[in-house]
Amino acid sequence: MSIAADDPAVRRGPRALLGGKRPLPAHVTVYLFVVIPFLAVLTAVPFAWGWGLTWLDLALAAGWYTVTILGTTAGYHRYFTHGSFKARRPLRIALAVAGSMAVQGPILHWVADHRRHHAFADKAGDPHSPWLFGTSPAALARGFWHAHLGWILDRDLTNQERFCPDLLADRDMRLVHRLFGPLTIVTLAGPAVLGGLLTGSWHGALTAFFWAGLVRVAFLHHVTWSVNSVCHMIGDRPFTARDKSANFWPLAILSMGESWHNLHHADPTQARHGVRPGQIDITARTIWIFEKLGWAHEVNWPTPARLARITRTPA
């Protein structure tokens, strides 16, 4: 049963929480996108031992990882979901394309799910809270699985008309949404093509496909999924939020600043999540570069007064 099945908002209507079910072929594809990269990770060590891992493979993996995860963090998340800055049309489309190539779902699905998460954070209706089943060890283990991965395997779709009508009305975003399948092929085949061209061999194409394609996608998935699971269970909570969001510093660099999650839930539209000294936020720096280049404007940067309003008072 859906976690929000007893909520009146699930009933049909313009304000319904859910918007139908994912078609079976698409749902099978979701399983494939989750399972196949994960199997690649499991075979990574013996593969590296037997076939080798070159500096080119690492460079391609790092490059594709950086572009695609920033497409998720700066694009899908801070721009499309929360409107923390405004972007010119070329940047807007580029962010949507880069986010799609992270293989975390088409843009309309992703944004609708995340806006729903903030509307019901850690309560019934939240698509991926780890606290929905109780606080016992068994309930938290179940909740961690649900928040990290289990929710993705649910066929229920969030109602886009309720949670992202602005993107539904955007012709460019509807097109990028429909192109999710071809963009997934590009994000997996692109590294293989580059590896083959740069090495002049099929072996170079194969290892690049494995490391910069499959393993990179799986690693990116689990880093970003950890923001849903780990960052709602463990860490510091210096800011006042309505939920259990927390800052978890070990993920800060890999998540490009997304793991400063408590600040984000305390004030979701801020363009910078890591606001204290030493809190590295690569996504915020990327948005700053966009602003300096004139590609982004009206950036919602934090101010001392704004931060003071949400800082938790020591007990």
C-alpha atoms as a PDB file:
ATOM      1  CA  MET A   1       0.000   0.000   0.000  1.00  0.00           C
ATOM      2  CA  SER A   2       1.237   3.509  -0.768  1.00  0.00           C
ATOM      3  CA  ILE A   3       2.640   5.382   2.222  1.00  0.00           C
ATOM      4  CA  ALA A   4      -0.008   8.079   1.715  1.00  0.00           C
ATOM      5  CA  ALA A   5      -2.907   5.847   0.772  1.00  0.00           C
ATOM      6  CA  ASP A   6      -5.001   6.971   3.745  1.00  0.00           C
ATOM      7  CA  ASP A   7      -4.407  10.675   3.111  1.00  0.00           C
ATOM      8  CA  PRO A   8      -7.487  12.470   1.675  1.00  0.00           C
ATOM      9  CA  ALA A   9      -5.160  14.251  -0.745  1.00  0.00           C
ATOM     10  CA  VAL A  10      -4.647  10.955  -2.592  1.00  0.00           C
ATOM     11  CA  ARG A  11      -8.252  10.994  -3.819  1.00  0.00           C
ATOM     12  CA  ARG A  12      -8.829  11.992  -7.410  1.00  0.00           C
ATOM     13  CA  GLY A  13      -9.125  15.642  -8.259  1.00  0.00           C
ATOM     14  CA  PRO A  14      -7.023  18.610  -9.313  1.00  0.00           C
ATOM     15  CA  ARG A  15      -5.255  18.642  -5.937  1.00  0.00           C
ATOM     16  CA  ALA A  16      -4.658  14.899  -5.773  1.00  0.00           C
ATOM     17  CA  LEU A  17      -1.293  13.834  -4.408  1.00  0.00           C
ATOM     18  CA  LEU A  18      -0.800  11.097  -6.990  1.00  0.00           C
ATOM     19  CA  GLY A  19      -1.189  11.294 -10.731  1.00  0.00           C
ATOM     20  CA  GLY A  20      -1.596   7.662 -11.759  1.00  0.00           C
ATOM     21  CA  LYS A  21       0.849   4.813 -12.114  1.00  0.00           C
ATOM     22  CA  ARG A  22       3.988   4.418 -14.175  1.00  0.00           C
ATOM     23  CA  PRO A  23       3.331   2.259 -17.266  1.00  0.00           C
ATOM     24  CA  LEU A  24       4.668  -1.272 -16.832  1.00  0.00           C
ATOM     25  CA  PRO A  25       7.340  -1.046 -19.595  1.00  0.00           C
ATOM     26  CA  ALA A  26       8.659   2.177 -18.066  1.00  0.00           C
ATOM     27  CA  HIS A  27       8.590   0.602 -14.603  1.00  0.00           C
ATOM     28  CA  VAL A  28      10.644  -2.359 -15.832  1.00  0.00           C
ATOM     29  CA  THR A  29      13.116   0.154 -17.239  1.00  0.00           C
ATOM     30  CA  VAL A  30      13.409   1.789 -13.807  1.00  0.00           C
ATOM     31  CA  TYR A  31      14.442  -1.559 -12.347  1.00  0.00           C
ATOM     32  CA  LEU A  32      17.023  -1.977 -15.096  1.00  0.00           C
ATOM     33  CA  PHE A  33      18.466   1.498 -14.485  1.00  0.00           C
ATOM     34  CA  VAL A  34      18.797   0.692 -10.771  1.00  0.00           C
ATOM     35  CA  VAL A  35      20.033  -2.902 -10.995  1.00  0.00           C
ATOM     36  CA  ILE A  36      22.465  -2.850 -13.938  1.00  0.00           C
ATOM     37  CA  PRO A  37      24.698   0.018 -12.701  1.00  0.00           C
ATOM     38  CA  PHE A  38      24.642  -1.528  -9.212  1.00  0.00           C
ATOM     39  CA  LEU A  39      25.833  -4.864 -10.623  1.00  0.00           C
ATOM     40  CA  ALA A  40      28.607  -2.944 -12.362  1.00  0.00           C
ATOM     41  CA  VAL A  41      29.735  -1.589  -8.987  1.00  0.00           C
ATOM     42  CA  LEU A  42      29.773  -5.114  -7.517  1.00  0.00           C
ATOM     43  CA  THR A  43      32.036  -6.288 -10.332  1.00  0.00           C
ATOM     44  CA  ALA A  44      34.232  -3.169 -10.309  1.00  0.00           C
ATOM     45  CA  VAL A  45      37.034  -4.562  -8.141  1.00  0.00           C
ATOM     46  CA  PRO A  46      37.547  -7.846 -10.028  1.00  0.00           C
ATOM     47  CA  PHE A  47      37.108  -5.998 -13.307  1.00  0.00           C
ATOM     48  CA  ALA A  48      39.832  -3.515 -12.354  1.00  0.00           C
ATOM     49  CA  TRP A  49      42.100  -6.382 -11.280  1.00  0.00           C
ATOM     50  CA  GLY A  50      41.644  -8.335 -14.474  1.00  0.00           C
ATOM     51  CA  TRP A  51      41.234  -5.575 -17.078  1.00  0.00           C
ATOM     52  CA  GLY A  52      42.851  -2.571 -15.480  1.00  0.00           C
ATOM     53  CA  LEU A  53      41.677   0.923 -14.660  1.00  0.00           C
ATOM     54  CA  THR A  54      43.412   3.659 -16.614  1.00  0.00           C
ATOM     55  CA  TRP A  55      43.840   7.349 -15.904  1.00  0.00           C
ATOM     56  CA  LEU A  56      41.687   8.029 -18.950  1.00  0.00           C
ATOM     57  CA  ASP A  57      38.846   5.985 -17.448  1.00  0.00           C
ATOM     58  CA  LEU A  58      39.140   7.964 -14.211  1.00  0.00           C
ATOM     59  CA  ALA A  59      39.241  11.297 -16.041  1.00  0.00           C
ATOM     60  CA  LEU A  60      36.190  10.451 -18.130  1.00  0.00           C
ATOM     61  CA  ALA A  61      34.299   9.186 -15.082  1.00  0.00           C
ATOM     62  CA  ALA A  62      35.146  12.325 -13.087  1.00  0.00           C
ATOM     63  CA  GLY A  63      34.178  14.623 -15.957  1.00  0.00           C
ATOM     64  CA  TRP A  64      30.859  12.959 -16.694  1.00  0.00           C
ATOM     65  CA  TYR A  65      30.133  12.675 -12.950  1.00  0.00           C
ATOM     66  CA  THR A  66      30.731  16.399 -12.409  1.00  0.00           C
ATOM     67  CA  VAL A  67      28.571  17.523 -15.319  1.00  0.00           C
ATOM     68  CA  THR A  68      25.670  15.183 -14.612  1.00  0.00           C
ATOM     69  CA  ILE A  69      25.521  15.612 -10.846  1.00  0.00           C
ATOM     70  CA  LEU A  70      25.650  19.407 -11.246  1.00  0.00           C
ATOM     71  CA  GLY A  71      22.809  19.028 -13.719  1.00  0.00           C
ATOM     72  CA  THR A  72      20.899  17.452 -10.835  1.00  0.00           C
ATOM     73  CA  THR A  73      21.999  19.763  -8.018  1.00  0.00           C
ATOM     74  CA  ALA A  74      22.144  23.139  -9.761  1.00  0.00           C
ATOM     75  CA  GLY A  75      19.529  22.265 -12.384  1.00  0.00           C
ATOM     76  CA  TYR A  76      16.866  19.800 -11.290  1.00  0.00           C
ATOM     77  CA  HIS A  77      17.120  20.820  -7.625  1.00  0.00           C
ATOM     78  CA  ARG A  78      18.100  24.406  -6.920  1.00  0.00           C
ATOM     79  CA  TYR A  79      16.826  25.913 -10.179  1.00  0.00           C
ATOM     80  CA  PHE A  80      13.826  23.925 -11.433  1.00  0.00           C
ATOM     81  CA  THR A  81      12.452  22.733  -8.090  1.00  0.00           C
ATOM     82  CA  HIS A  82      13.144  25.727  -5.865  1.00  0.00           C
ATOM     83  CA  GLY A  83      13.781  28.674  -8.192  1.00  0.00           C
ATOM     84  CA  SER A  84      16.870  29.815  -6.282  1.00  0.00           C
ATOM     85  CA  PHE A  85      17.994  31.770  -9.342  1.00  0.00           C
ATOM     86  CA  LYS A  86      16.772  32.717 -12.796  1.00  0.00           C
ATOM     87  CA  ALA A  87      18.502  31.473 -15.929  1.00  0.00           C
ATOM     88  CA  ARG A  88      18.654  32.430 -19.561  1.00  0.00           C
ATOM     89  CA  ARG A  89      17.045  29.957 -21.933  1.00  0.00           C
ATOM     90  CA  PRO A  90      20.281  28.252 -23.154  1.00  0.00           C
ATOM     91  CA  LEU A  91      21.401  27.616 -19.572  1.00  0.00           C
ATOM     92  CA  ARG A  92      17.912  26.477 -18.608  1.00  0.00           C
ATOM     93  CA  ILE A  93      17.876  23.878 -21.377  1.00  0.00           C
ATOM     94  CA  ALA A  94      21.482  22.812 -20.699  1.00  0.00           C
ATOM     95  CA  LEU A  95      20.723  22.234 -17.006  1.00  0.00           C
ATOM     96  CA  ALA A  96      17.655  20.154 -17.874  1.00  0.00           C
ATOM     97  CA  VAL A  97      19.670  18.035 -20.316  1.00  0.00           C
ATOM     98  CA  ALA A  98      22.590  17.550 -17.902  1.00  0.00           C
ATOM     99  CA  GLY A  99      20.187  16.612 -15.091  1.00  0.00           C
ATOM    100  CA  SER A 100      18.465  14.083 -17.337  1.00  0.00           C
ATOM    101  CA  MET A 101      21.822  12.441 -18.042  1.00  0.00           C
ATOM    102  CA  ALA A 102      22.205  11.659 -14.340  1.00  0.00           C
ATOM    103  CA  VAL A 103      19.563   8.956 -15.030  1.00  0.00           C
ATOM    104  CA  GLN A 104      17.426   9.801 -11.998  1.00  0.00           C
ATOM    105  CA  GLY A 105      14.226  10.147 -13.977  1.00  0.00           C
ATOM    106  CA  PRO A 106      12.646  12.610 -16.423  1.00  0.00           C
ATOM    107  CA  ILE A 107      12.598  16.197 -15.245  1.00  0.00           C
ATOM    108  CA  LEU A 108       8.826  16.495 -14.651  1.00  0.00           C
ATOM    109  CA  HIS A 109       8.792  13.376 -12.466  1.00  0.00           C
ATOM    110  CA  TRP A 110      11.869  14.472 -10.507  1.00  0.00           C
ATOM    111  CA  VAL A 111      10.667  17.992  -9.785  1.00  0.00           C
ATOM    112  CA  ALA A 112       7.159  16.877  -8.850  1.00  0.00           C
ATOM    113  CA  ASP A 113       8.552  14.276  -6.436  1.00  0.00           C
ATOM    114  CA  HIS A 114      10.915  16.749  -4.799  1.00  0.00           C
ATOM    115  CA  ARG A 115       8.355  19.502  -4.378  1.00  0.00           C
ATOM    116  CA  ARG A 116       6.045  16.907  -2.823  1.00  0.00           C
ATOM    117  CA  HIS A 117       8.910  15.893  -0.501  1.00  0.00           C
ATOM    118  CA  HIS A 118       9.178  19.455   0.788  1.00  0.00           C
ATOM    119  CA  ALA A 119       5.417  19.845   1.125  1.00  0.00           C
ATOM    120  CA  PHE A 120       5.178  16.754   3.369  1.00  0.00           C
ATOM    121  CA  ALA A 121       8.761  16.386   4.661  1.00  0.00           C
ATOM    122  CA  ASP A 122       9.026  13.440   7.079  1.00  0.00           C
ATOM    123  CA  LYS A 123       5.234  13.124   7.266  1.00  0.00           C
ATOM    124  CA  ALA A 124       2.648  10.996   5.484  1.00  0.00           C
ATOM    125  CA  GLY A 125       2.774  12.024   1.869  1.00  0.00           C
ATOM    126  CA  ASP A 126       6.551  12.427   1.712  1.00  0.00           C
ATOM    127  CA  PRO A 127       7.674  10.032  -1.051  1.00  0.00           C
ATOM    128  CA  HIS A 128      10.986   9.159   0.608  1.00  0.00           C
ATOM    129  CA  SER A 129      11.177   9.871   4.330  1.00  0.00           C
ATOM    130  CA  PRO A 130      13.076   7.315   6.457  1.00  0.00           C
ATOM    131  CA  TRP A 131      10.789   8.064   9.434  1.00  0.00           C
ATOM    132  CA  LEU A 132       7.462   6.824   8.047  1.00  0.00           C
ATOM    133  CA  PHE A 133       7.458   3.421   9.738  1.00  0.00           C
ATOM    134  CA  GLY A 134       8.401   4.253  13.313  1.00  0.00           C
ATOM    135  CA  THR A 135      11.536   4.668  15.403  1.00  0.00           C
ATOM    136  CA  SER A 136      12.400   1.106  16.415  1.00  0.00           C
ATOM    137  CA  PRO A 137      15.610  -0.370  14.943  1.00  0.00           C
ATOM    138  CA  ALA A 138      13.594  -2.547  12.552  1.00  0.00           C
ATOM    139  CA  ALA A 139      11.402   0.397  11.517  1.00  0.00           C
ATOM    140  CA  LEU A 140      14.428   2.618  10.903  1.00  0.00           C
ATOM    141  CA  ALA A 141      16.132  -0.094   8.853  1.00  0.00           C
ATOM    142  CA  ARG A 142      12.966  -0.373   6.764  1.00  0.00           C
ATOM    143  CA  GLY A 143      12.771   3.419   6.574  1.00  0.00           C
ATOM    144  CA  PHE A 144      16.372   3.735   5.432  1.00  0.00           C
ATOM    145  CA  TRP A 145      15.787   1.249   2.611  1.00  0.00           C
ATOM    146  CA  HIS A 146      12.596   3.048   1.599  1.00  0.00           C
ATOM    147  CA  ALA A 147      14.216   6.511   1.618  1.00  0.00           C
ATOM    148  CA  HIS A 148      17.376   5.408  -0.147  1.00  0.00           C
ATOM    149  CA  LEU A 149      15.995   3.199  -2.894  1.00  0.00           C
ATOM    150  CA  GLY A 150      12.687   1.492  -2.167  1.00  0.00           C
ATOM    151  CA  TRP A 151      10.512   4.512  -3.010  1.00  0.00           C
ATOM    152  CA  ILE A 152      11.912   4.615  -6.541  1.00  0.00           C
ATOM    153  CA  LEU A 153      10.496   1.150  -7.203  1.00  0.00           C
ATOM    154  CA  ASP A 154       6.937   2.312  -6.380  1.00  0.00           C
ATOM    155  CA  ARG A 155       4.783   2.628  -9.520  1.00  0.00           C
ATOM    156  CA  ASP A 156       2.758   5.550  -8.126  1.00  0.00           C
ATOM    157  CA  LEU A 157       3.533   8.849  -9.844  1.00  0.00           C
ATOM    158  CA  THR A 158       3.311  12.243  -8.167  1.00  0.00           C
ATOM    159  CA  ASN A 159       0.654  14.531  -9.608  1.00  0.00           C
ATOM    160  CA  GLN A 160       2.521  16.895 -11.935  1.00  0.00           C
ATOM    161  CA  GLU A 161      -0.486  19.184 -12.402  1.00  0.00           C
ATOM    162  CA  ARG A 162      -0.412  19.880  -8.685  1.00  0.00           C
ATOM    163  CA  PHE A 163       3.328  20.066  -8.047  1.00  0.00           C
ATOM    164  CA  CYS A 164       4.930  21.354 -11.260  1.00  0.00           C
ATOM    165  CA  PRO A 165       2.338  23.140 -13.431  1.00  0.00           C
ATOM    166  CA  ASP A 166       5.007  25.699 -14.371  1.00  0.00           C
ATOM    167  CA  LEU A 167       7.161  23.044 -16.047  1.00  0.00           C
ATOM    168  CA  LEU A 168       4.155  21.388 -17.669  1.00  0.00           C
ATOM    169  CA  ALA A 169       3.458  24.730 -19.334  1.00  0.00           C
ATOM    170  CA  ASP A 170       7.056  25.026 -20.571  1.00  0.00           C
ATOM    171  CA  ARG A 171       7.491  23.664 -24.100  1.00  0.00           C
ATOM    172  CA  ASP A 172      11.247  23.214 -23.698  1.00  0.00           C
ATOM    173  CA  MET A 173      10.859  21.196 -20.499  1.00  0.00           C
ATOM    174  CA  ARG A 174       8.159  18.981 -21.969  1.00  0.00           C
ATOM    175  CA  LEU A 175      10.534  18.184 -24.834  1.00  0.00           C
ATOM    176  CA  VAL A 176      13.481  17.404 -22.529  1.00  0.00           C
ATOM    177  CA  HIS A 177      11.155  15.213 -20.458  1.00  0.00           C
ATOM    178  CA  ARG A 178      10.223  13.203 -23.569  1.00  0.00           C
ATOM    179  CA  LEU A 179      13.891  12.889 -24.555  1.00  0.00           C
ATOM    180  CA  PHE A 180      14.884  11.163 -21.297  1.00  0.00           C
ATOM    181  CA  GLY A 181      15.367   7.813 -23.044  1.00  0.00           C
ATOM    182  CA  PRO A 182      17.706   9.102 -25.784  1.00  0.00           C
ATOM    183  CA  LEU A 183      19.620  11.194 -23.218  1.00  0.00           C
ATOM    184  CA  THR A 184      20.127   8.070 -21.122  1.00  0.00           C
ATOM    185  CA  ILE A 185      21.696   6.382 -24.150  1.00  0.00           C
ATOM    186  CA  VAL A 186      23.956   9.418 -24.630  1.00  0.00           C
ATOM    187  CA  THR A 187      25.140   9.414 -21.009  1.00  0.00           C
ATOM    188  CA  LEU A 188      26.105   5.723 -21.237  1.00  0.00           C
ATOM    189  CA  ALA A 189      27.387   5.605 -24.808  1.00  0.00           C
ATOM    190  CA  GLY A 190      29.146   8.984 -24.753  1.00  0.00           C
ATOM    191  CA  PRO A 191      32.018   7.858 -22.504  1.00  0.00           C
ATOM    192  CA  ALA A 192      32.462   4.719 -24.606  1.00  0.00           C
ATOM    193  CA  VAL A 193      32.725   6.756 -27.806  1.00  0.00           C
ATOM    194  CA  LEU A 194      35.274   9.101 -26.225  1.00  0.00           C
ATOM    195  CA  GLY A 195      37.247   6.210 -24.750  1.00  0.00           C
ATOM    196  CA  GLY A 196      37.362   4.441 -28.092  1.00  0.00           C
ATOM    197  CA  LEU A 197      38.392   7.567 -30.003  1.00  0.00           C
ATOM    198  CA  LEU A 198      41.063   8.613 -27.519  1.00  0.00           C
ATOM    199  CA  THR A 199      42.637   5.158 -27.275  1.00  0.00           C
ATOM    200  CA  GLY A 200      41.928   4.004 -30.817  1.00  0.00           C
ATOM    201  CA  SER A 201      40.709   0.664 -29.481  1.00  0.00           C
ATOM    202  CA  TRP A 202      37.561  -1.276 -28.663  1.00  0.00           C
ATOM    203  CA  HIS A 203      39.134  -2.102 -25.297  1.00  0.00           C
ATOM    204  CA  GLY A 204      39.306   1.604 -24.457  1.00  0.00           C
ATOM    205  CA  ALA A 205      35.662   1.990 -25.462  1.00  0.00           C
ATOM    206  CA  LEU A 206      34.639  -0.961 -23.283  1.00  0.00           C
ATOM    207  CA  THR A 207      36.490   0.168 -20.148  1.00  0.00           C
ATOM    208  CA  ALA A 208      35.220   3.748 -20.539  1.00  0.00           C
ATOM    209  CA  PHE A 209      31.653   2.454 -20.893  1.00  0.00           C
ATOM    210  CA  PHE A 210      32.093   0.399 -17.746  1.00  0.00           C
ATOM    211  CA  TRP A 211      33.789   2.996 -15.516  1.00  0.00           C
ATOM    212  CA  ALA A 212      32.549   6.336 -16.852  1.00  0.00           C
ATOM    213  CA  GLY A 213      29.177   4.952 -17.863  1.00  0.00           C
ATOM    214  CA  LEU A 214      27.780   2.240 -15.606  1.00  0.00           C
ATOM    215  CA  VAL A 215      29.912   2.654 -12.479  1.00  0.00           C
ATOM    216  CA  ARG A 216      29.697   6.461 -12.623  1.00  0.00           C
ATOM    217  CA  VAL A 217      25.880   6.358 -12.842  1.00  0.00           C
ATOM    218  CA  ALA A 218      25.614   3.904  -9.947  1.00  0.00           C
ATOM    219  CA  PHE A 219      27.985   5.925  -7.772  1.00  0.00           C
ATOM    220  CA  LEU A 220      26.099   9.146  -8.571  1.00  0.00           C
ATOM    221  CA  HIS A 221      22.794   7.466  -7.748  1.00  0.00           C
ATOM    222  CA  HIS A 222      23.895   6.343  -4.303  1.00  0.00           C
ATOM    223  CA  VAL A 223      25.464   9.688  -3.430  1.00  0.00           C
ATOM    224  CA  THR A 224      22.293  11.602  -4.266  1.00  0.00           C
ATOM    225  CA  TRP A 225      20.008   8.961  -2.750  1.00  0.00           C
ATOM    226  CA  SER A 226      22.026   9.293   0.470  1.00  0.00           C
ATOM    227  CA  VAL A 227      20.772  12.871   0.774  1.00  0.00           C
ATOM    228  CA  ASN A 228      17.239  11.426   1.016  1.00  0.00           C
ATOM    229  CA  SER A 229      18.198   8.728   3.506  1.00  0.00           C
ATOM    230  CA  VAL A 230      21.341   9.561   5.521  1.00  0.00           C
ATOM    231  CA  CYS A 231      20.712  13.324   5.600  1.00  0.00           C
ATOM    232  CA  HIS A 232      17.318  12.799   7.216  1.00  0.00           C
ATOM    233  CA  MET A 233      18.729  10.500   9.897  1.00  0.00           C
ATOM    234  CA  ILE A 234      22.272  11.497  10.882  1.00  0.00           C
ATOM    235  CA  GLY A 235      24.081  14.806  11.329  1.00  0.00           C
ATOM    236  CA  ASP A 236      23.885  18.288  12.789  1.00  0.00           C
ATOM    237  CA  ARG A 237      20.752  20.430  12.864  1.00  0.00           C
ATOM    238  CA  PRO A 238      21.867  24.031  13.502  1.00  0.00           C
ATOM    239  CA  PHE A 239      18.863  25.537  11.707  1.00  0.00           C
ATOM    240  CA  THR A 240      15.168  25.370  12.526  1.00  0.00           C
ATOM    241  CA  ALA A 241      13.285  23.130  10.098  1.00  0.00           C
ATOM    242  CA  ARG A 242       9.900  21.395  10.270  1.00  0.00           C
ATOM    243  CA  ASP A 243      11.472  17.977   9.724  1.00  0.00           C
ATOM    244  CA  LYS A 244      14.514  15.849  10.577  1.00  0.00           C
ATOM    245  CA  SER A 245      16.825  17.137   7.836  1.00  0.00           C
ATOM    246  CA  ALA A 246      20.467  17.234   8.903  1.00  0.00           C
ATOM    247  CA  ASN A 247      23.893  18.359   7.710  1.00  0.00           C
ATOM    248  CA  PHE A 248      26.210  15.414   6.987  1.00  0.00           C
ATOM    249  CA  TRP A 249      29.678  16.738   6.168  1.00  0.00           C
ATOM    250  CA  PRO A 250      31.305  13.535   4.764  1.00  0.00           C
ATOM    251  CA  LEU A 251      29.078  13.769   1.675  1.00  0.00           C
ATOM    252  CA  ALA A 252      29.605  17.493   1.046  1.00  0.00           C
ATOM    253  CA  ILE A 253      32.111  17.268  -1.816  1.00  0.00           C
ATOM    254  CA  LEU A 254      30.684  14.199  -3.547  1.00  0.00           C
ATOM    255  CA  SER A 255      27.149  15.654  -3.380  1.00  0.00           C
ATOM    256  CA  MET A 256      28.372  19.088  -4.550  1.00  0.00           C
ATOM    257  CA  GLY A 257      27.057  20.701  -1.352  1.00  0.00           C
ATOM    258  CA  GLU A 258      23.674  18.991  -1.184  1.00  0.00           C
ATOM    259  CA  SER A 259      24.446  17.295   2.135  1.00  0.00           C
ATOM    260  CA  TRP A 260      24.225  20.634   3.976  1.00  0.00           C
ATOM    261  CA  HIS A 261      20.628  19.538   4.052  1.00  0.00           C
ATOM    262  CA  ASN A 262      19.380  21.113   7.275  1.00  0.00           C
ATOM    263  CA  LEU A 263      19.904  24.642   5.973  1.00  0.00           C
ATOM    264  CA  HIS A 264      18.181  23.684   2.741  1.00  0.00           C
ATOM    265  CA  HIS A 265      15.032  22.501   4.504  1.00  0.00           C
ATOM    266  CA  ALA A 266      15.056  25.495   6.839  1.00  0.00           C
ATOM    267  CA  ASP A 267      15.091  27.851   3.825  1.00  0.00           C
ATOM    268  CA  PRO A 268      14.635  25.859   0.587  1.00  0.00           C
ATOM    269  CA  THR A 269      14.996  28.678  -1.958  1.00  0.00           C
ATOM    270  CA  GLN A 270      18.527  29.683  -0.996  1.00  0.00           C
ATOM    271  CA  ALA A 271      21.114  29.141  -3.726  1.00  0.00           C
ATOM    272  CA  ARG A 272      23.813  28.272  -1.170  1.00  0.00           C
ATOM    273  CA  HIS A 273      23.352  25.381   1.263  1.00  0.00           C
ATOM    274  CA  GLY A 274      26.789  25.373   2.882  1.00  0.00           C
ATOM    275  CA  VAL A 275      26.756  28.785   4.577  1.00  0.00           C
ATOM    276  CA  ARG A 276      29.196  28.390   7.444  1.00  0.00           C
ATOM    277  CA  PRO A 277      33.014  28.564   7.320  1.00  0.00           C
ATOM    278  CA  GLY A 278      34.502  25.398   5.864  1.00  0.00           C
ATOM    279  CA  GLN A 279      31.204  24.171   4.398  1.00  0.00           C
ATOM    280  CA  ILE A 280      32.181  23.444   0.797  1.00  0.00           C
ATOM    281  CA  ASP A 281      29.301  23.935  -1.634  1.00  0.00           C
ATOM    282  CA  ILE A 282      30.469  23.322  -5.208  1.00  0.00           C
ATOM    283  CA  THR A 283      26.960  23.787  -6.597  1.00  0.00           C
ATOM    284  CA  ALA A 284      26.737  27.272  -5.088  1.00  0.00           C
ATOM    285  CA  ARG A 285      30.115  28.157  -6.583  1.00  0.00           C
ATOM    286  CA  THR A 286      28.900  26.904  -9.962  1.00  0.00           C
ATOM    287  CA  ILE A 287      25.809  29.120  -9.721  1.00  0.00           C
ATOM    288  CA  TRP A 288      28.096  32.027  -8.779  1.00  0.00           C
ATOM    289  CA  ILE A 289      30.092  31.414 -11.977  1.00  0.00           C
ATOM    290  CA  PHE A 290      26.854  31.348 -13.995  1.00  0.00           C
ATOM    291  CA  GLU A 291      25.946  34.687 -12.441  1.00  0.00           C
ATOM    292  CA  LYS A 292      29.336  36.248 -13.205  1.00  0.00           C
ATOM    293  CA  LEU A 293      29.075  35.079 -16.831  1.00  0.00           C
ATOM    294  CA  GLY A 294      25.649  36.676 -17.132  1.00  0.00           C
ATOM    295  CA  TRP A 295      23.881  33.351 -17.662  1.00  0.00           C
ATOM    296  CA  ALA A 296      22.038  33.479 -14.313  1.00  0.00           C
ATOM    297  CA  HIS A 297      20.507  36.421 -12.477  1.00  0.00           C
ATOM    298  CA  GLU A 298      18.399  37.254  -9.422  1.00  0.00           C
ATOM    299  CA  VAL A 299      20.298  34.637  -7.452  1.00  0.00           C
ATOM    300  CA  ASN A 300      18.809  34.077  -4.017  1.00  0.00           C
ATOM    301  CA  TRP A 301      21.995  34.294  -1.925  1.00  0.00           C
ATOM    302  CA  PRO A 302      21.748  33.984   1.887  1.00  0.00           C
ATOM    303  CA  THR A 303      22.104  37.104   4.013  1.00  0.00           C
ATOM    304  CA  PRO A 304      23.107  37.393   7.706  1.00  0.00           C
ATOM    305  CA  ALA A 305      19.633  38.613   8.621  1.00  0.00           C
ATOM    306  CA  ARG A 306      17.969  35.746   6.806  1.00  0.00           C
ATOM    307  CA  LEU A 307      20.241  33.173   8.417  1.00  0.00           C
ATOM    308  CA  ALA A 308      19.666  34.689  11.855  1.00  0.00           C
ATOM    309  CA  ARG A 309      15.925  34.098  11.513  1.00  0.00           C
ATOM    310  CA  ILE A 310      16.349  30.348  10.997  1.00  0.00           C
ATOM    311  CA  THR A 311      19.307  29.643  13.316  1.00  0.00           C
ATOM    312  CA  ARG A 312      18.339  27.326  16.120  1.00  0.00           C
ATOM    313  CA  THR A 313      18.599  28.843  19.599  1.00  0.00           C
ATOM    314  CA  PRO A 314      20.815  26.722  21.903  1.00  0.00           C
ATOM    315  CA  ALA A 315      18.848  24.956  24.631  1.00  0.00           C
END
